[in-house]
Each structure stands twice: as C-alpha cells, then as structure tokens.
C-alpha atoms as a PDB file:
ATOM      1  CA  MET A   1      -5.214   0.148   3.978  1.00  0.00           C
ATOM      2  CA  VAL A   2      -4.706   3.678   5.303  1.00  0.00           C
ATOM      3  CA  HIS A   3      -7.592   4.917   3.155  1.00  0.00           C
ATOM      4  CA  HIS A   4      -9.838   2.233   4.624  1.00  0.00           C
ATOM      5  CA  HIS A   5      -8.711   3.123   8.147  1.00  0.00           C
ATOM      6  CA  HIS A   6      -9.409   6.840   7.613  1.00  0.00           C
ATOM      7  CA  SER A   7     -12.749   6.101   5.972  1.00  0.00           C
ATOM      8  CA  ILE A   8     -13.877   3.988   8.934  1.00  0.00           C
ATOM      9  CA  GLU A   9     -12.796   6.677  11.400  1.00  0.00           C
ATOM     10  CA  GLU A  10     -14.487   9.508   9.509  1.00  0.00           C
ATOM     11  CA  THR A  11     -17.679   7.579   8.771  1.00  0.00           C
ATOM     12  CA  TYR A  12     -18.254   5.769  12.051  1.00  0.00           C
ATOM     13  CA  ILE A  13     -15.839   6.622  14.850  1.00  0.00           C
ATOM     14  CA  PHE A  14     -15.506  10.411  14.642  1.00  0.00           C
ATOM     15  CA  PRO A  15     -19.280  11.009  14.515  1.00  0.00           C
ATOM     16  CA  GLU A  16     -19.765   8.763  17.555  1.00  0.00           C
ATOM     17  CA  ILE A  17     -17.056  10.612  19.475  1.00  0.00           C
ATOM     18  CA  GLU A  18     -18.768  13.897  18.622  1.00  0.00           C
ATOM     19  CA  LYS A  19     -22.142  12.533  19.788  1.00  0.00           C
ATOM     20  CA  PHE A  20     -20.615  11.214  23.006  1.00  0.00           C
ATOM     21  CA  SER A  21     -18.795  14.484  23.706  1.00  0.00           C
ATOM     22  CA  GLY A  22     -21.841  16.593  22.850  1.00  0.00           C
ATOM     23  CA  ARG A  23     -19.536  18.860  20.852  1.00  0.00           C
ATOM     24  CA  PRO A  24     -20.338  19.029  17.124  1.00  0.00           C
ATOM     25  CA  GLY A  25     -17.161  19.664  15.154  1.00  0.00           C
ATOM     26  CA  PHE A  26     -14.995  18.245  17.939  1.00  0.00           C
ATOM     27  CA  MET A  27     -13.276  15.893  15.475  1.00  0.00           C
ATOM     28  CA  ASP A  28     -12.694  18.470  12.742  1.00  0.00           C
ATOM     29  CA  ASP A  29      -8.954  18.651  13.503  1.00  0.00           C
ATOM     30  CA  PRO A  30      -8.361  14.918  13.014  1.00  0.00           C
ATOM     31  CA  LYS A  31     -10.385  15.080   9.770  1.00  0.00           C
ATOM     32  CA  HIS A  32      -8.147  17.916   8.591  1.00  0.00           C
ATOM     33  CA  GLN A  33      -5.065  15.892   9.534  1.00  0.00           C
ATOM     34  CA  HIS A  34      -6.348  13.048   7.371  1.00  0.00           C
ATOM     35  CA  GLU A  35      -6.628  15.440   4.419  1.00  0.00           C
ATOM     36  CA  GLU A  36      -3.039  16.612   4.942  1.00  0.00           C
ATOM     37  CA  PHE A  37      -1.832  13.010   5.227  1.00  0.00           C
ATOM     38  CA  HIS A  38      -3.547  11.848   2.016  1.00  0.00           C
ATOM     39  CA  ASP A  39      -1.177  13.416  -0.550  1.00  0.00           C
ATOM     40  CA  GLY A  40       1.895  11.982   1.150  1.00  0.00           C
ATOM     41  CA  ILE A  41       0.351   8.512   1.205  1.00  0.00           C
ATOM     42  CA  GLU A  42      -0.477   8.768  -2.501  1.00  0.00           C
ATOM     43  CA  LYS A  43       3.149   9.697  -3.255  1.00  0.00           C
ATOM     44  CA  LEU A  44       4.395   6.793  -1.139  1.00  0.00           C
ATOM     45  CA  VAL A  45       2.072   4.326  -2.888  1.00  0.00           C
ATOM     46  CA  THR A  46       3.218   5.576  -6.290  1.00  0.00           C
ATOM     47  CA  TYR A  47       6.869   5.302  -5.273  1.00  0.00           C
ATOM     48  CA  THR A  48       6.542   1.823  -3.826  1.00  0.00           C
ATOM     49  CA  THR A  49       4.578   0.476  -6.786  1.00  0.00           C
ATOM     50  CA  THR A  50       6.793   1.943  -9.517  1.00  0.00           C
ATOM     51  CA  THR A  51      10.301   1.663  -8.056  1.00  0.00           C
ATOM     52  CA  GLN A  52      12.275  -1.513  -8.562  1.00  0.00           C
ATOM     53  CA  PRO A  53      14.666  -2.770  -5.841  1.00  0.00           C
ATOM     54  CA  ASP A  54      17.694  -1.879  -8.002  1.00  0.00           C
ATOM     55  CA  ASN A  55      16.501   1.753  -8.058  1.00  0.00           C
ATOM     56  CA  TYR A  56      16.182   2.253  -4.297  1.00  0.00           C
ATOM     57  CA  ARG A  57      18.332   5.071  -3.005  1.00  0.00           C
END
C-alpha cells in the first residue's frame, strides 16, 4: 500500500505541485525521502510476512 501511495504521489501529485508552484525540482526532497523510506518498508514487510506470532519479541 505504501508503494502505491508513493507511486501516485511521484507520478501525479508531485509534478502537479511543481507545475502549480512554477518551481521545477520543488518536490525533489519528498522524492528523496521516499527513497530513504523504501528500504525500511521492505524490511518491515519481510519481518511481518515471515515472523510467526510465537516469535514476536
């Protein structure tokens, strides 16, 4: 779900915000934040799909 959310923002919303602001590259920081967020989400997905309730710590 997070991947879908980020994809929608980067594909549709961020470019529109840049057009509206008249500042190309204005949304580069949020795009970079998405990149930094991605690895942590992948680790969380792996953890939650491979860990059984008895193994939670």
